[in-house]
Amino acid sequence: MTADTNASPLDIEIGALQGGSADLSQYAGKAVLVVNVASKCGLTPQYTGLEKLQEQYAERGFTVLGVPCNQFLGQEPGSAEEIAEFCSATYGVTFPLTEKVEVNGEARHPLYERLVGFADAEGHSGDIRWNFEKFLIGRDGKVVARFSPQTEPEAAELVAAVEGALG
């Protein structure tokens, strides 16, 4: 699969977790880390690091965008209200969350259609491998990096990419 490198993922329409539009166009000119998230996954504690990134870089024009997905062993089974409550109460999440979507398969959300063609540092492109796979979108609206689910939000390579995207 090849990605249209001229088409920004931020041009895609996606709903907000608790209704209405997530209005991705509001992030034009900012760096955005898109992460498919789940509440009942072994990697769920990454919410802590994602929130730290949000707090550290928000004032410089950065946001994490959490995209709940229930495609990996049913690890995000909750309703929008349950997901929001879990993220807020358990991890103090302040970054935006979209509606729950599918990231793989025939029902893959168009946002992920735009993302999956980009390869990570190991050369993996295509299907999302697991919860907490990360895509960094630069200020120009183009994907600049992809990170495996196991890459912690505080990992040196991820932080360096965020700082590079912020300029």
C-alpha atoms as a PDB file:
ATOM      1  CA  MET A   1       0.000   0.000   0.000  1.00  0.00           C
ATOM      2  CA  THR A   2       1.304   3.431  -0.817  1.00  0.00           C
ATOM      3  CA  ALA A   3       0.227   6.529   0.997  1.00  0.00           C
ATOM      4  CA  ASP A   4      -0.641   9.778  -0.698  1.00  0.00           C
ATOM      5  CA  THR A   5       2.087  11.867   0.860  1.00  0.00           C
ATOM      6  CA  ASN A   6       0.392  15.077  -0.277  1.00  0.00           C
ATOM      7  CA  ALA A   7      -2.869  14.340   1.542  1.00  0.00           C
ATOM      8  CA  SER A   8      -2.898  15.283   5.198  1.00  0.00           C
ATOM      9  CA  PRO A   9      -4.525  12.936   7.694  1.00  0.00           C
ATOM     10  CA  LEU A  10      -5.838  16.124   9.310  1.00  0.00           C
ATOM     11  CA  ASP A  11      -8.199  16.604   6.336  1.00  0.00           C
ATOM     12  CA  ILE A  12     -10.199  13.545   7.421  1.00  0.00           C
ATOM     13  CA  GLU A  13     -13.485  13.823   9.275  1.00  0.00           C
ATOM     14  CA  ILE A  14     -13.756  11.834  12.497  1.00  0.00           C
ATOM     15  CA  GLY A  15     -16.109  12.145  15.429  1.00  0.00           C
ATOM     16  CA  ALA A  16     -15.121  13.206  18.925  1.00  0.00           C
ATOM     17  CA  LEU A  17     -15.417  10.584  21.658  1.00  0.00           C
ATOM     18  CA  GLN A  18     -18.460  12.165  23.246  1.00  0.00           C
ATOM     19  CA  GLY A  19     -20.203  13.308  20.070  1.00  0.00           C
ATOM     20  CA  GLY A  20     -19.831  15.950  17.429  1.00  0.00           C
ATOM     21  CA  SER A  21     -16.768  16.398  15.261  1.00  0.00           C
ATOM     22  CA  ALA A  22     -13.199  16.021  16.468  1.00  0.00           C
ATOM     23  CA  ASP A  23     -12.413  18.786  13.903  1.00  0.00           C
ATOM     24  CA  LEU A  24      -8.881  17.684  13.036  1.00  0.00           C
ATOM     25  CA  SER A  25      -8.436  20.843  10.974  1.00  0.00           C
ATOM     26  CA  GLN A  26      -7.973  22.716  14.264  1.00  0.00           C
ATOM     27  CA  TYR A  27      -4.548  21.039  14.488  1.00  0.00           C
ATOM     28  CA  ALA A  28      -3.285  22.500  11.206  1.00  0.00           C
ATOM     29  CA  GLY A  29       0.113  24.041  11.881  1.00  0.00           C
ATOM     30  CA  LYS A  30       0.622  21.894  14.981  1.00  0.00           C
ATOM     31  CA  ALA A  31       2.432  18.607  15.567  1.00  0.00           C
ATOM     32  CA  VAL A  32       0.040  15.755  16.388  1.00  0.00           C
ATOM     33  CA  LEU A  33       0.813  12.294  17.786  1.00  0.00           C
ATOM     34  CA  VAL A  34      -2.029   9.974  16.711  1.00  0.00           C
ATOM     35  CA  VAL A  35      -2.267   6.872  18.916  1.00  0.00           C
ATOM     36  CA  ASN A  36      -4.783   4.018  18.781  1.00  0.00           C
ATOM     37  CA  VAL A  37      -5.597   3.479  22.446  1.00  0.00           C
ATOM     38  CA  ALA A  38      -7.283   0.844  24.601  1.00  0.00           C
ATOM     39  CA  SER A  39      -8.252   0.723  28.275  1.00  0.00           C
ATOM     40  CA  LYS A  40      -7.652  -2.972  28.996  1.00  0.00           C
ATOM     41  CA  CYS A  41      -4.286  -3.599  27.338  1.00  0.00           C
ATOM     42  CA  GLY A  42      -0.896  -4.403  28.804  1.00  0.00           C
ATOM     43  CA  LEU A  43       0.309  -1.187  27.160  1.00  0.00           C
ATOM     44  CA  THR A  44      -2.475   0.953  28.703  1.00  0.00           C
ATOM     45  CA  PRO A  45      -0.024   2.483  31.237  1.00  0.00           C
ATOM     46  CA  GLN A  46       1.417   4.366  28.237  1.00  0.00           C
ATOM     47  CA  TYR A  47      -1.424   6.826  28.872  1.00  0.00           C
ATOM     48  CA  THR A  48       0.796   8.257  31.632  1.00  0.00           C
ATOM     49  CA  GLY A  49       3.644   9.007  29.217  1.00  0.00           C
ATOM     50  CA  LEU A  50       1.273  10.317  26.564  1.00  0.00           C
ATOM     51  CA  GLU A  51      -0.224  12.752  29.076  1.00  0.00           C
ATOM     52  CA  LYS A  52       3.304  13.859  30.077  1.00  0.00           C
ATOM     53  CA  LEU A  53       4.073  14.604  26.410  1.00  0.00           C
ATOM     54  CA  GLN A  54       0.825  16.540  26.172  1.00  0.00           C
ATOM     55  CA  GLU A  55       1.657  18.610  29.244  1.00  0.00           C
ATOM     56  CA  GLN A  56       5.276  19.203  28.228  1.00  0.00           C
ATOM     57  CA  TYR A  57       4.720  20.266  24.616  1.00  0.00           C
ATOM     58  CA  ALA A  58       1.143  21.610  24.345  1.00  0.00           C
ATOM     59  CA  GLU A  59       2.213  25.236  24.667  1.00  0.00           C
ATOM     60  CA  ARG A  60       4.622  24.751  21.750  1.00  0.00           C
ATOM     61  CA  GLY A  61       1.857  23.633  19.384  1.00  0.00           C
ATOM     62  CA  PHE A  62       1.621  19.890  20.050  1.00  0.00           C
ATOM     63  CA  THR A  63      -1.185  17.524  20.922  1.00  0.00           C
ATOM     64  CA  VAL A  64      -1.675  13.821  21.444  1.00  0.00           C
ATOM     65  CA  LEU A  65      -4.806  12.522  19.712  1.00  0.00           C
ATOM     66  CA  GLY A  66      -6.120   9.291  21.204  1.00  0.00           C
ATOM     67  CA  VAL A  67      -8.138   7.047  18.885  1.00  0.00           C
ATOM     68  CA  PRO A  68      -9.920   4.273  20.810  1.00  0.00           C
ATOM     69  CA  CYS A  69     -10.042   0.926  19.023  1.00  0.00           C
ATOM     70  CA  ASN A  70     -11.520  -2.419  20.083  1.00  0.00           C
ATOM     71  CA  GLN A  71      -9.952  -4.576  17.342  1.00  0.00           C
ATOM     72  CA  PHE A  72      -7.189  -6.158  19.416  1.00  0.00           C
ATOM     73  CA  LEU A  73      -8.620  -8.882  21.679  1.00  0.00           C
ATOM     74  CA  GLY A  74     -11.557  -6.633  22.610  1.00  0.00           C
ATOM     75  CA  GLN A  75      -9.365  -4.454  24.819  1.00  0.00           C
ATOM     76  CA  GLU A  76     -11.495  -1.298  24.404  1.00  0.00           C
ATOM     77  CA  PRO A  77     -15.026  -2.613  25.008  1.00  0.00           C
ATOM     78  CA  GLY A  78     -16.497   0.405  26.789  1.00  0.00           C
ATOM     79  CA  SER A  79     -18.951   3.048  25.714  1.00  0.00           C
ATOM     80  CA  ALA A  80     -17.774   6.579  24.970  1.00  0.00           C
ATOM     81  CA  GLU A  81     -18.715   7.613  28.516  1.00  0.00           C
ATOM     82  CA  GLU A  82     -16.852   4.665  30.064  1.00  0.00           C
ATOM     83  CA  ILE A  83     -13.727   5.357  27.983  1.00  0.00           C
ATOM     84  CA  ALA A  84     -13.766   9.057  28.893  1.00  0.00           C
ATOM     85  CA  GLU A  85     -14.255   8.314  32.589  1.00  0.00           C
ATOM     86  CA  PHE A  86     -11.483   5.691  32.618  1.00  0.00           C
ATOM     87  CA  CYS A  87      -8.987   7.962  30.866  1.00  0.00           C
ATOM     88  CA  SER A  88      -9.762  10.943  33.067  1.00  0.00           C
ATOM     89  CA  ALA A  89     -10.046   9.170  36.423  1.00  0.00           C
ATOM     90  CA  THR A  90      -7.245   6.638  35.971  1.00  0.00           C
ATOM     91  CA  TYR A  91      -4.650   8.594  33.986  1.00  0.00           C
ATOM     92  CA  GLY A  92      -5.728  12.241  34.169  1.00  0.00           C
ATOM     93  CA  VAL A  93      -5.900  12.401  30.391  1.00  0.00           C
ATOM     94  CA  THR A  94      -6.458  15.923  29.062  1.00  0.00           C
ATOM     95  CA  PHE A  95      -5.644  15.308  25.399  1.00  0.00           C
ATOM     96  CA  PRO A  96      -8.497  14.846  22.911  1.00  0.00           C
ATOM     97  CA  LEU A  97     -10.022  11.456  22.147  1.00  0.00           C
ATOM     98  CA  THR A  98     -11.924  10.553  19.001  1.00  0.00           C
ATOM     99  CA  GLU A  99     -14.815   8.193  18.528  1.00  0.00           C
ATOM    100  CA  LYS A 100     -13.984   4.479  18.691  1.00  0.00           C
ATOM    101  CA  VAL A 101     -12.977   3.257  15.214  1.00  0.00           C
ATOM    102  CA  GLU A 102     -11.493   0.299  13.374  1.00  0.00           C
ATOM    103  CA  VAL A 103      -7.859   0.748  12.324  1.00  0.00           C
ATOM    104  CA  ASN A 104      -7.526  -2.418  10.209  1.00  0.00           C
ATOM    105  CA  GLY A 105      -9.657  -4.382   7.766  1.00  0.00           C
ATOM    106  CA  GLU A 106     -12.454  -3.468   5.390  1.00  0.00           C
ATOM    107  CA  ALA A 107     -14.025  -1.053   7.894  1.00  0.00           C
ATOM    108  CA  ARG A 108     -10.709   0.759   8.536  1.00  0.00           C
ATOM    109  CA  HIS A 109     -11.410   4.414   9.277  1.00  0.00           C
ATOM    110  CA  PRO A 110     -10.230   6.823   6.541  1.00  0.00           C
ATOM    111  CA  LEU A 111      -7.839   8.439   9.053  1.00  0.00           C
ATOM    112  CA  TYR A 112      -5.945   5.162   9.248  1.00  0.00           C
ATOM    113  CA  GLU A 113      -6.161   4.692   5.476  1.00  0.00           C
ATOM    114  CA  ARG A 114      -4.002   7.819   5.309  1.00  0.00           C
ATOM    115  CA  LEU A 115      -1.618   6.659   8.043  1.00  0.00           C
ATOM    116  CA  VAL A 116      -0.839   2.980   7.446  1.00  0.00           C
ATOM    117  CA  GLY A 117       1.195   3.486   4.276  1.00  0.00           C
ATOM    118  CA  PHE A 118       3.983   5.132   6.251  1.00  0.00           C
ATOM    119  CA  ALA A 119       6.787   2.923   7.520  1.00  0.00           C
ATOM    120  CA  ASP A 120       8.430   3.001  10.934  1.00  0.00           C
ATOM    121  CA  ALA A 121      12.195   2.949  11.497  1.00  0.00           C
ATOM    122  CA  GLU A 122      12.222  -0.863  11.069  1.00  0.00           C
ATOM    123  CA  GLY A 123      10.410  -0.594   7.730  1.00  0.00           C
ATOM    124  CA  HIS A 124       6.980  -1.793   8.908  1.00  0.00           C
ATOM    125  CA  SER A 125       4.081  -0.287   7.024  1.00  0.00           C
ATOM    126  CA  GLY A 126       0.550  -1.487   6.511  1.00  0.00           C
ATOM    127  CA  ASP A 127      -1.752  -2.845   9.190  1.00  0.00           C
ATOM    128  CA  ILE A 128      -1.626  -1.563  12.734  1.00  0.00           C
ATOM    129  CA  ARG A 129       0.077  -4.257  14.819  1.00  0.00           C
ATOM    130  CA  TRP A 130      -1.468  -3.597  18.237  1.00  0.00           C
ATOM    131  CA  ASN A 131      -2.852  -0.939  20.557  1.00  0.00           C
ATOM    132  CA  PHE A 132      -0.686   2.166  21.074  1.00  0.00           C
ATOM    133  CA  GLU A 133       0.917   2.302  17.622  1.00  0.00           C
ATOM    134  CA  LYS A 134       1.929   5.946  17.119  1.00  0.00           C
ATOM    135  CA  PHE A 135       2.056   8.314  14.125  1.00  0.00           C
ATOM    136  CA  LEU A 136       3.616  11.760  14.362  1.00  0.00           C
ATOM    137  CA  ILE A 137       2.150  14.365  12.022  1.00  0.00           C
ATOM    138  CA  GLY A 138       4.284  17.450  11.471  1.00  0.00           C
ATOM    139  CA  ARG A 139       3.191  21.075  11.355  1.00  0.00           C
ATOM    140  CA  ASP A 140       2.820  20.740   7.570  1.00  0.00           C
ATOM    141  CA  GLY A 141       0.136  18.068   8.050  1.00  0.00           C
ATOM    142  CA  LYS A 142       2.299  15.201   6.766  1.00  0.00           C
ATOM    143  CA  VAL A 143       3.281  12.074   8.657  1.00  0.00           C
ATOM    144  CA  VAL A 144       6.911  12.355   9.716  1.00  0.00           C
ATOM    145  CA  ALA A 145       7.340   9.249  11.896  1.00  0.00           C
ATOM    146  CA  ARG A 146       5.696   5.975  12.924  1.00  0.00           C
ATOM    147  CA  PHE A 147       6.467   4.139  16.145  1.00  0.00           C
ATOM    148  CA  SER A 148       5.693   0.584  17.209  1.00  0.00           C
ATOM    149  CA  PRO A 149       3.203  -0.076  20.004  1.00  0.00           C
ATOM    150  CA  GLN A 150       6.066  -1.015  22.332  1.00  0.00           C
ATOM    151  CA  THR A 151       7.816   2.352  21.884  1.00  0.00           C
ATOM    152  CA  GLU A 152       7.170   4.188  25.128  1.00  0.00           C
ATOM    153  CA  PRO A 153       6.034   7.828  24.873  1.00  0.00           C
ATOM    154  CA  GLU A 154       9.153   8.861  26.822  1.00  0.00           C
ATOM    155  CA  ALA A 155      11.521   6.970  24.469  1.00  0.00           C
ATOM    156  CA  ALA A 156      14.403   9.134  23.267  1.00  0.00           C
ATOM    157  CA  GLU A 157      13.602   8.583  19.589  1.00  0.00           C
ATOM    158  CA  LEU A 158       9.955   9.579  20.027  1.00  0.00           C
ATOM    159  CA  VAL A 159      10.773  12.687  22.089  1.00  0.00           C
ATOM    160  CA  ALA A 160      13.445  13.700  19.550  1.00  0.00           C
ATOM    161  CA  ALA A 161      10.911  13.317  16.726  1.00  0.00           C
ATOM    162  CA  VAL A 162       8.364  15.471  18.576  1.00  0.00           C
ATOM    163  CA  GLU A 163      10.964  18.150  19.240  1.00  0.00           C
ATOM    164  CA  GLY A 164      12.066  18.010  15.601  1.00  0.00           C
ATOM    165  CA  ALA A 165       8.477  18.377  14.412  1.00  0.00           C
ATOM    166  CA  LEU A 166       8.014  21.392  16.649  1.00  0.00           C
ATOM    167  CA  GLY A 167      11.168  23.033  15.284  1.00  0.00           C
END
